[in-house]
Amino acid sequence: MPNPLRFQPVALPADRPATGSGAPEDPIAERIRELEAELRELQHRAKNSLQLVISLLKLQTGRIRDPDARAAYEQTLVRIEALAILYRQLHESGTGTHVNLGRYIESLADAVKHGTPGGLANVPIEVKSDPIQIGLYEAMPLGLITAELITNSLHHAFPEQGWIRVSVMQENNGRARLIVEDNGRALPAGFDTTAEDGLMLAEALAAQLGDTLNTESDAAGTTASVSFPV
């Protein structure tokens, strides 16, 4: 009985030219190309669906009068936007599996900043990143963590010369580190991150990346960091 795992050579008809250098098309390579095209199409549809959801949600924003409810609603929009940006950049990358992390965080920081009402949207956000390509399953929780930390910084009471810095640095252990810091007021003494839905989500996502969210705060500002595999 022929081995089902062994591909037998396929003879081409005499009047049919061979592909490329004269060899027949590799069925595995052809199937891989088909799957990659299907993946890109799925990501394109996911991006479009998320953008539609964002547009529909924004239509209802003006009807929410309660400040707390409105803040929670707007934060939900930020989280969906983080995913929409990721799928857009995955589609644009051509690989369908990896994105440039620095470019992703820059776009994400810009979206969070301009989605924040009032004067806080004028706080500058600086992004510095080592050249890192990251896969979908690491980029998704990392993008959501970044969005939560930037939002948390923007909601601090900033001095006149306020700033936020986001850094991504390669480490020597097969991991990299995301750092979000600001010069806003220190977190209150005894501040419990589990009391903040956004920070609680960030801590859960950090655990998914194999780390814990480290937060330090003093009179100079607040710094939060998390490591992730690359």
C-alpha atoms as a PDB file:
ATOM      1  CA  MET A   1       0.000   0.000   0.000  1.00  0.00           C
ATOM      2  CA  PRO A   2       1.542   3.386  -0.950  1.00  0.00           C
ATOM      3  CA  ASN A   3       2.625   5.646   1.877  1.00  0.00           C
ATOM      4  CA  PRO A   4      -0.021   8.456   2.096  1.00  0.00           C
ATOM      5  CA  LEU A   5       2.584  10.876   3.469  1.00  0.00           C
ATOM      6  CA  ARG A   6       4.865  10.526   0.442  1.00  0.00           C
ATOM      7  CA  PHE A   7       4.046  12.689  -2.569  1.00  0.00           C
ATOM      8  CA  GLN A   8       4.489  10.930  -5.878  1.00  0.00           C
ATOM      9  CA  PRO A   9       5.912  12.900  -8.838  1.00  0.00           C
ATOM     10  CA  VAL A  10       3.258  14.100 -11.246  1.00  0.00           C
ATOM     11  CA  ALA A  11       3.993  13.890 -14.938  1.00  0.00           C
ATOM     12  CA  LEU A  12       3.030  16.964 -16.932  1.00  0.00           C
ATOM     13  CA  PRO A  13       1.409  16.556 -20.315  1.00  0.00           C
ATOM     14  CA  ALA A  14       3.814  17.029 -23.215  1.00  0.00           C
ATOM     15  CA  ASP A  15       2.019  20.158 -24.425  1.00  0.00           C
ATOM     16  CA  ARG A  16       1.904  21.769 -20.950  1.00  0.00           C
ATOM     17  CA  PRO A  17       4.994  23.762 -19.904  1.00  0.00           C
ATOM     18  CA  ALA A  18       6.444  23.159 -16.451  1.00  0.00           C
ATOM     19  CA  THR A  19       6.319  25.873 -13.806  1.00  0.00           C
ATOM     20  CA  GLY A  20       9.320  28.082 -13.009  1.00  0.00           C
ATOM     21  CA  SER A  21      12.641  26.410 -13.722  1.00  0.00           C
ATOM     22  CA  GLY A  22      11.076  23.412 -15.418  1.00  0.00           C
ATOM     23  CA  ALA A  23       9.938  21.582 -12.281  1.00  0.00           C
ATOM     24  CA  PRO A  24       6.256  20.896 -11.557  1.00  0.00           C
ATOM     25  CA  GLU A  25       4.476  23.110  -9.000  1.00  0.00           C
ATOM     26  CA  ASP A  26       5.005  21.884  -5.428  1.00  0.00           C
ATOM     27  CA  PRO A  27       1.487  21.081  -4.098  1.00  0.00           C
ATOM     28  CA  ILE A  28       2.522  21.960  -0.532  1.00  0.00           C
ATOM     29  CA  ALA A  29       3.872  25.380  -1.534  1.00  0.00           C
ATOM     30  CA  GLU A  30       0.745  26.031  -3.585  1.00  0.00           C
ATOM     31  CA  ARG A  31      -1.501  25.112  -0.643  1.00  0.00           C
ATOM     32  CA  ILE A  32       0.528  27.351   1.700  1.00  0.00           C
ATOM     33  CA  ARG A  33       0.023  30.282  -0.669  1.00  0.00           C
ATOM     34  CA  GLU A  34      -3.709  29.575  -0.759  1.00  0.00           C
ATOM     35  CA  LEU A  35      -3.890  29.482   3.064  1.00  0.00           C
ATOM     36  CA  GLU A  36      -1.906  32.727   3.343  1.00  0.00           C
ATOM     37  CA  ALA A  37      -4.318  34.423   0.930  1.00  0.00           C
ATOM     38  CA  GLU A  38      -7.273  33.132   2.945  1.00  0.00           C
ATOM     39  CA  LEU A  39      -5.665  34.380   6.176  1.00  0.00           C
ATOM     40  CA  ARG A  40      -5.155  37.862   4.726  1.00  0.00           C
ATOM     41  CA  GLU A  41      -8.772  37.927   3.585  1.00  0.00           C
ATOM     42  CA  LEU A  42      -9.991  36.905   7.062  1.00  0.00           C
ATOM     43  CA  GLN A  43      -7.866  39.628   8.663  1.00  0.00           C
ATOM     44  CA  HIS A  44      -9.188  42.175   6.184  1.00  0.00           C
ATOM     45  CA  ARG A  45     -12.754  41.198   7.078  1.00  0.00           C
ATOM     46  CA  ALA A  46     -11.980  41.315  10.813  1.00  0.00           C
ATOM     47  CA  LYS A  47     -10.542  44.826  10.387  1.00  0.00           C
ATOM     48  CA  ASN A  48     -13.614  46.009   8.480  1.00  0.00           C
ATOM     49  CA  SER A  49     -15.981  44.438  11.014  1.00  0.00           C
ATOM     50  CA  LEU A  50     -14.195  46.093  13.936  1.00  0.00           C
ATOM     51  CA  GLN A  51     -14.275  49.479  12.182  1.00  0.00           C
ATOM     52  CA  LEU A  52     -18.011  49.045  11.629  1.00  0.00           C
ATOM     53  CA  VAL A  53     -18.522  48.232  15.321  1.00  0.00           C
ATOM     54  CA  ILE A  54     -16.523  51.351  16.285  1.00  0.00           C
ATOM     55  CA  SER A  55     -18.600  53.534  13.963  1.00  0.00           C
ATOM     56  CA  LEU A  56     -21.870  52.164  15.359  1.00  0.00           C
ATOM     57  CA  LEU A  57     -20.744  52.650  18.962  1.00  0.00           C
ATOM     58  CA  LYS A  58     -19.626  56.219  18.288  1.00  0.00           C
ATOM     59  CA  LEU A  59     -23.118  57.045  17.073  1.00  0.00           C
ATOM     60  CA  GLN A  60     -24.410  56.396  20.618  1.00  0.00           C
ATOM     61  CA  THR A  61     -21.672  58.242  22.539  1.00  0.00           C
ATOM     62  CA  GLY A  62     -23.473  61.587  22.610  1.00  0.00           C
ATOM     63  CA  ARG A  63     -26.560  60.030  24.209  1.00  0.00           C
ATOM     64  CA  ILE A  64     -24.721  58.933  27.363  1.00  0.00           C
ATOM     65  CA  ARG A  65     -25.149  61.571  30.054  1.00  0.00           C
ATOM     66  CA  ASP A  66     -23.711  59.815  33.102  1.00  0.00           C
ATOM     67  CA  PRO A  67     -19.961  60.695  33.298  1.00  0.00           C
ATOM     68  CA  ASP A  68     -18.886  57.294  34.670  1.00  0.00           C
ATOM     69  CA  ALA A  69     -20.915  55.399  32.102  1.00  0.00           C
ATOM     70  CA  ARG A  70     -19.547  57.602  29.327  1.00  0.00           C
ATOM     71  CA  ALA A  71     -15.948  57.035  30.496  1.00  0.00           C
ATOM     72  CA  ALA A  72     -16.473  53.256  30.532  1.00  0.00           C
ATOM     73  CA  TYR A  73     -18.087  53.410  27.094  1.00  0.00           C
ATOM     74  CA  GLU A  74     -15.194  55.425  25.653  1.00  0.00           C
ATOM     75  CA  GLN A  75     -12.656  53.021  27.116  1.00  0.00           C
ATOM     76  CA  THR A  76     -14.460  50.157  25.405  1.00  0.00           C
ATOM     77  CA  LEU A  77     -14.052  52.064  22.132  1.00  0.00           C
ATOM     78  CA  VAL A  78     -10.315  52.396  22.796  1.00  0.00           C
ATOM     79  CA  ARG A  79      -9.986  48.642  23.335  1.00  0.00           C
ATOM     80  CA  ILE A  80     -11.799  47.830  20.118  1.00  0.00           C
ATOM     81  CA  GLU A  81      -9.698  50.417  18.276  1.00  0.00           C
ATOM     82  CA  ALA A  82      -6.534  48.690  19.560  1.00  0.00           C
ATOM     83  CA  LEU A  83      -7.669  45.455  17.915  1.00  0.00           C
ATOM     84  CA  ALA A  84      -8.753  47.199  14.710  1.00  0.00           C
ATOM     85  CA  ILE A  85      -5.325  48.842  14.337  1.00  0.00           C
ATOM     86  CA  LEU A  86      -3.628  45.484  14.903  1.00  0.00           C
ATOM     87  CA  TYR A  87      -5.648  43.712  12.216  1.00  0.00           C
ATOM     88  CA  ARG A  88      -5.116  46.569   9.794  1.00  0.00           C
ATOM     89  CA  GLN A  89      -1.358  46.435  10.245  1.00  0.00           C
ATOM     90  CA  LEU A  90      -1.325  42.643  10.019  1.00  0.00           C
ATOM     91  CA  HIS A  91      -3.097  42.925   6.685  1.00  0.00           C
ATOM     92  CA  GLU A  92      -0.729  45.658   5.479  1.00  0.00           C
ATOM     93  CA  SER A  93       2.397  43.769   6.584  1.00  0.00           C
ATOM     94  CA  GLY A  94       1.970  41.162   3.871  1.00  0.00           C
ATOM     95  CA  THR A  95       2.969  38.368   6.266  1.00  0.00           C
ATOM     96  CA  GLY A  96      -0.408  38.052   7.945  1.00  0.00           C
ATOM     97  CA  THR A  97       1.267  36.868  11.160  1.00  0.00           C
ATOM     98  CA  HIS A  98       3.625  39.612  12.429  1.00  0.00           C
ATOM     99  CA  VAL A  99       3.629  43.388  12.850  1.00  0.00           C
ATOM    100  CA  ASN A 100       6.297  45.999  13.503  1.00  0.00           C
ATOM    101  CA  LEU A 101       5.788  46.583  17.224  1.00  0.00           C
ATOM    102  CA  GLY A 102       7.060  50.178  17.255  1.00  0.00           C
ATOM    103  CA  ARG A 103       4.750  51.164  14.408  1.00  0.00           C
ATOM    104  CA  TYR A 104       1.810  49.435  16.085  1.00  0.00           C
ATOM    105  CA  ILE A 105       2.364  51.206  19.407  1.00  0.00           C
ATOM    106  CA  GLU A 106       2.791  54.593  17.690  1.00  0.00           C
ATOM    107  CA  SER A 107      -0.561  54.187  15.917  1.00  0.00           C
ATOM    108  CA  LEU A 108      -2.166  52.920  19.111  1.00  0.00           C
ATOM    109  CA  ALA A 109      -0.825  55.823  21.209  1.00  0.00           C
ATOM    110  CA  ASP A 110      -2.107  58.302  18.643  1.00  0.00           C
ATOM    111  CA  ALA A 111      -5.560  56.683  18.632  1.00  0.00           C
ATOM    112  CA  VAL A 112      -5.786  56.674  22.448  1.00  0.00           C
ATOM    113  CA  LYS A 113      -4.613  60.268  22.677  1.00  0.00           C
ATOM    114  CA  HIS A 114      -7.085  61.618  20.119  1.00  0.00           C
ATOM    115  CA  GLY A 115      -9.866  59.531  21.626  1.00  0.00           C
ATOM    116  CA  THR A 116      -9.405  61.312  24.952  1.00  0.00           C
ATOM    117  CA  PRO A 117     -11.648  64.370  25.364  1.00  0.00           C
ATOM    118  CA  GLY A 118     -10.525  67.699  26.744  1.00  0.00           C
ATOM    119  CA  GLY A 119      -7.084  69.183  27.247  1.00  0.00           C
ATOM    120  CA  LEU A 120      -5.515  65.808  28.092  1.00  0.00           C
ATOM    121  CA  ALA A 121      -5.372  65.058  24.379  1.00  0.00           C
ATOM    122  CA  ASN A 122      -2.618  67.699  24.169  1.00  0.00           C
ATOM    123  CA  VAL A 123      -0.239  65.750  26.418  1.00  0.00           C
ATOM    124  CA  PRO A 124       2.681  64.614  24.200  1.00  0.00           C
ATOM    125  CA  ILE A 125       3.318  60.877  23.910  1.00  0.00           C
ATOM    126  CA  GLU A 126       6.814  59.803  22.875  1.00  0.00           C
ATOM    127  CA  VAL A 127       7.330  56.255  21.556  1.00  0.00           C
ATOM    128  CA  LYS A 128      10.743  54.607  21.278  1.00  0.00           C
ATOM    129  CA  SER A 129      11.127  50.990  20.228  1.00  0.00           C
ATOM    130  CA  ASP A 130      13.855  48.568  19.266  1.00  0.00           C
ATOM    131  CA  PRO A 131      13.187  46.959  15.852  1.00  0.00           C
ATOM    132  CA  ILE A 132      10.920  44.102  16.929  1.00  0.00           C
ATOM    133  CA  GLN A 133       8.540  42.025  14.847  1.00  0.00           C
ATOM    134  CA  ILE A 134       5.859  40.455  17.008  1.00  0.00           C
ATOM    135  CA  GLY A 135       3.242  37.808  16.352  1.00  0.00           C
ATOM    136  CA  LEU A 136      -0.507  38.238  16.594  1.00  0.00           C
ATOM    137  CA  TYR A 137      -0.944  36.308  19.838  1.00  0.00           C
ATOM    138  CA  GLU A 138       1.626  38.451  21.661  1.00  0.00           C
ATOM    139  CA  ALA A 139       0.673  41.740  19.976  1.00  0.00           C
ATOM    140  CA  MET A 140      -2.995  41.485  20.948  1.00  0.00           C
ATOM    141  CA  PRO A 141      -2.584  41.440  24.762  1.00  0.00           C
ATOM    142  CA  LEU A 142       0.394  43.801  24.533  1.00  0.00           C
ATOM    143  CA  GLY A 143      -1.631  46.353  22.553  1.00  0.00           C
ATOM    144  CA  LEU A 144      -4.468  46.209  25.067  1.00  0.00           C
ATOM    145  CA  ILE A 145      -2.030  46.634  27.971  1.00  0.00           C
ATOM    146  CA  THR A 146      -0.468  49.647  26.238  1.00  0.00           C
ATOM    147  CA  ALA A 147      -3.882  51.215  25.652  1.00  0.00           C
ATOM    148  CA  GLU A 148      -4.861  50.742  29.309  1.00  0.00           C
ATOM    149  CA  LEU A 149      -1.603  52.200  30.639  1.00  0.00           C
ATOM    150  CA  ILE A 150      -1.676  55.241  28.340  1.00  0.00           C
ATOM    151  CA  THR A 151      -5.316  55.864  29.226  1.00  0.00           C
ATOM    152  CA  ASN A 152      -4.472  55.588  32.904  1.00  0.00           C
ATOM    153  CA  SER A 153      -1.664  58.146  32.451  1.00  0.00           C
ATOM    154  CA  LEU A 154      -3.880  60.545  30.497  1.00  0.00           C
ATOM    155  CA  HIS A 155      -6.440  60.489  33.270  1.00  0.00           C
ATOM    156  CA  HIS A 156      -3.887  61.654  35.837  1.00  0.00           C
ATOM    157  CA  ALA A 157      -3.750  65.313  36.841  1.00  0.00           C
ATOM    158  CA  PHE A 158      -0.794  66.522  34.778  1.00  0.00           C
ATOM    159  CA  PRO A 159       1.433  69.512  35.495  1.00  0.00           C
ATOM    160  CA  GLU A 160       1.846  72.162  32.837  1.00  0.00           C
ATOM    161  CA  GLN A 161       4.726  70.313  31.161  1.00  0.00           C
ATOM    162  CA  GLY A 162       3.170  66.873  31.218  1.00  0.00           C
ATOM    163  CA  TRP A 163       4.480  63.986  29.121  1.00  0.00           C
ATOM    164  CA  ILE A 164       4.074  60.259  28.536  1.00  0.00           C
ATOM    165  CA  ARG A 165       6.848  58.000  27.258  1.00  0.00           C
ATOM    166  CA  VAL A 166       6.424  54.507  25.861  1.00  0.00           C
ATOM    167  CA  SER A 167       9.557  52.409  25.406  1.00  0.00           C
ATOM    168  CA  VAL A 168      10.123  48.900  24.088  1.00  0.00           C
ATOM    169  CA  MET A 169      13.545  47.370  24.736  1.00  0.00           C
ATOM    170  CA  GLN A 170      14.958  44.017  23.689  1.00  0.00           C
ATOM    171  CA  GLU A 171      16.303  41.953  26.590  1.00  0.00           C
ATOM    172  CA  ASN A 172      18.871  39.138  26.545  1.00  0.00           C
ATOM    173  CA  ASN A 173      16.561  36.324  27.585  1.00  0.00           C
ATOM    174  CA  GLY A 174      14.361  35.956  24.509  1.00  0.00           C
ATOM    175  CA  ARG A 175      11.994  38.580  25.848  1.00  0.00           C
ATOM    176  CA  ALA A 176      11.466  42.328  25.513  1.00  0.00           C
ATOM    177  CA  ARG A 177      10.050  44.903  27.913  1.00  0.00           C
ATOM    178  CA  LEU A 178       7.313  47.483  27.479  1.00  0.00           C
ATOM    179  CA  ILE A 179       7.614  50.543  29.736  1.00  0.00           C
ATOM    180  CA  VAL A 180       4.993  53.294  30.029  1.00  0.00           C
ATOM    181  CA  GLU A 181       5.981  56.260  32.192  1.00  0.00           C
ATOM    182  CA  ASP A 182       4.624  59.718  32.887  1.00  0.00           C
ATOM    183  CA  ASN A 183       5.344  62.743  35.062  1.00  0.00           C
ATOM    184  CA  GLY A 184       1.811  63.019  36.398  1.00  0.00           C
ATOM    185  CA  ARG A 185       0.919  63.003  40.056  1.00  0.00           C
ATOM    186  CA  ALA A 186       1.780  59.920  42.055  1.00  0.00           C
ATOM    187  CA  LEU A 187      -0.858  57.261  42.617  1.00  0.00           C
ATOM    188  CA  PRO A 188      -2.542  57.592  46.033  1.00  0.00           C
ATOM    189  CA  ALA A 189      -0.921  55.741  48.932  1.00  0.00           C
ATOM    190  CA  GLY A 190      -2.277  52.214  49.156  1.00  0.00           C
ATOM    191  CA  PHE A 191      -3.638  52.384  45.605  1.00  0.00           C
ATOM    192  CA  ASP A 192      -5.173  49.016  44.667  1.00  0.00           C
ATOM    193  CA  THR A 193      -4.871  48.149  40.991  1.00  0.00           C
ATOM    194  CA  THR A 194      -7.671  45.583  41.368  1.00  0.00           C
ATOM    195  CA  ALA A 195     -10.030  48.496  42.082  1.00  0.00           C
ATOM    196  CA  GLU A 196      -9.419  49.834  38.565  1.00  0.00           C
ATOM    197  CA  ASP A 197     -11.018  47.756  35.826  1.00  0.00           C
ATOM    198  CA  GLY A 198      -8.451  48.849  33.227  1.00  0.00           C
ATOM    199  CA  LEU A 199      -5.411  48.036  35.373  1.00  0.00           C
ATOM    200  CA  MET A 200      -6.982  44.766  36.494  1.00  0.00           C
ATOM    201  CA  LEU A 201      -7.373  43.853  32.812  1.00  0.00           C
ATOM    202  CA  ALA A 202      -3.751  44.866  32.169  1.00  0.00           C
ATOM    203  CA  GLU A 203      -2.567  42.609  34.994  1.00  0.00           C
ATOM    204  CA  ALA A 204      -4.550  39.664  33.614  1.00  0.00           C
ATOM    205  CA  LEU A 205      -3.084  40.257  30.136  1.00  0.00           C
ATOM    206  CA  ALA A 206       0.436  40.507  31.613  1.00  0.00           C
ATOM    207  CA  ALA A 207      -0.056  37.057  33.139  1.00  0.00           C
ATOM    208  CA  GLN A 208      -1.046  35.813  29.692  1.00  0.00           C
ATOM    209  CA  LEU A 209       2.351  37.046  28.464  1.00  0.00           C
ATOM    210  CA  GLY A 210       4.127  35.195  31.272  1.00  0.00           C
ATOM    211  CA  ASP A 211       4.854  38.173  33.519  1.00  0.00           C
ATOM    212  CA  THR A 212       3.305  40.468  36.122  1.00  0.00           C
ATOM    213  CA  LEU A 213       2.544  44.140  35.688  1.00  0.00           C
ATOM    214  CA  ASN A 214       5.074  46.129  37.684  1.00  0.00           C
ATOM    215  CA  THR A 215       3.884  49.596  38.777  1.00  0.00           C
ATOM    216  CA  GLU A 216       5.963  52.196  40.633  1.00  0.00           C
ATOM    217  CA  SER A 217       4.774  55.682  41.536  1.00  0.00           C
ATOM    218  CA  ASP A 218       6.302  58.621  43.379  1.00  0.00           C
ATOM    219  CA  ALA A 219       6.446  62.415  43.218  1.00  0.00           C
ATOM    220  CA  ALA A 220       8.290  62.234  39.868  1.00  0.00           C
ATOM    221  CA  GLY A 221       5.512  60.286  38.195  1.00  0.00           C
ATOM    222  CA  THR A 222       4.368  56.726  37.497  1.00  0.00           C
ATOM    223  CA  THR A 223       6.120  53.899  35.652  1.00  0.00           C
ATOM    224  CA  ALA A 224       4.518  50.610  34.623  1.00  0.00           C
ATOM    225  CA  SER A 225       6.261  47.792  32.800  1.00  0.00           C
ATOM    226  CA  VAL A 226       5.750  44.251  31.576  1.00  0.00           C
ATOM    227  CA  SER A 227       7.947  41.788  29.704  1.00  0.00           C
ATOM    228  CA  PHE A 228       6.827  39.614  26.808  1.00  0.00           C
ATOM    229  CA  PRO A 229       8.280  36.891  24.551  1.00  0.00           C
ATOM    230  CA  VAL A 230       9.737  37.817  21.139  1.00  0.00           C
END
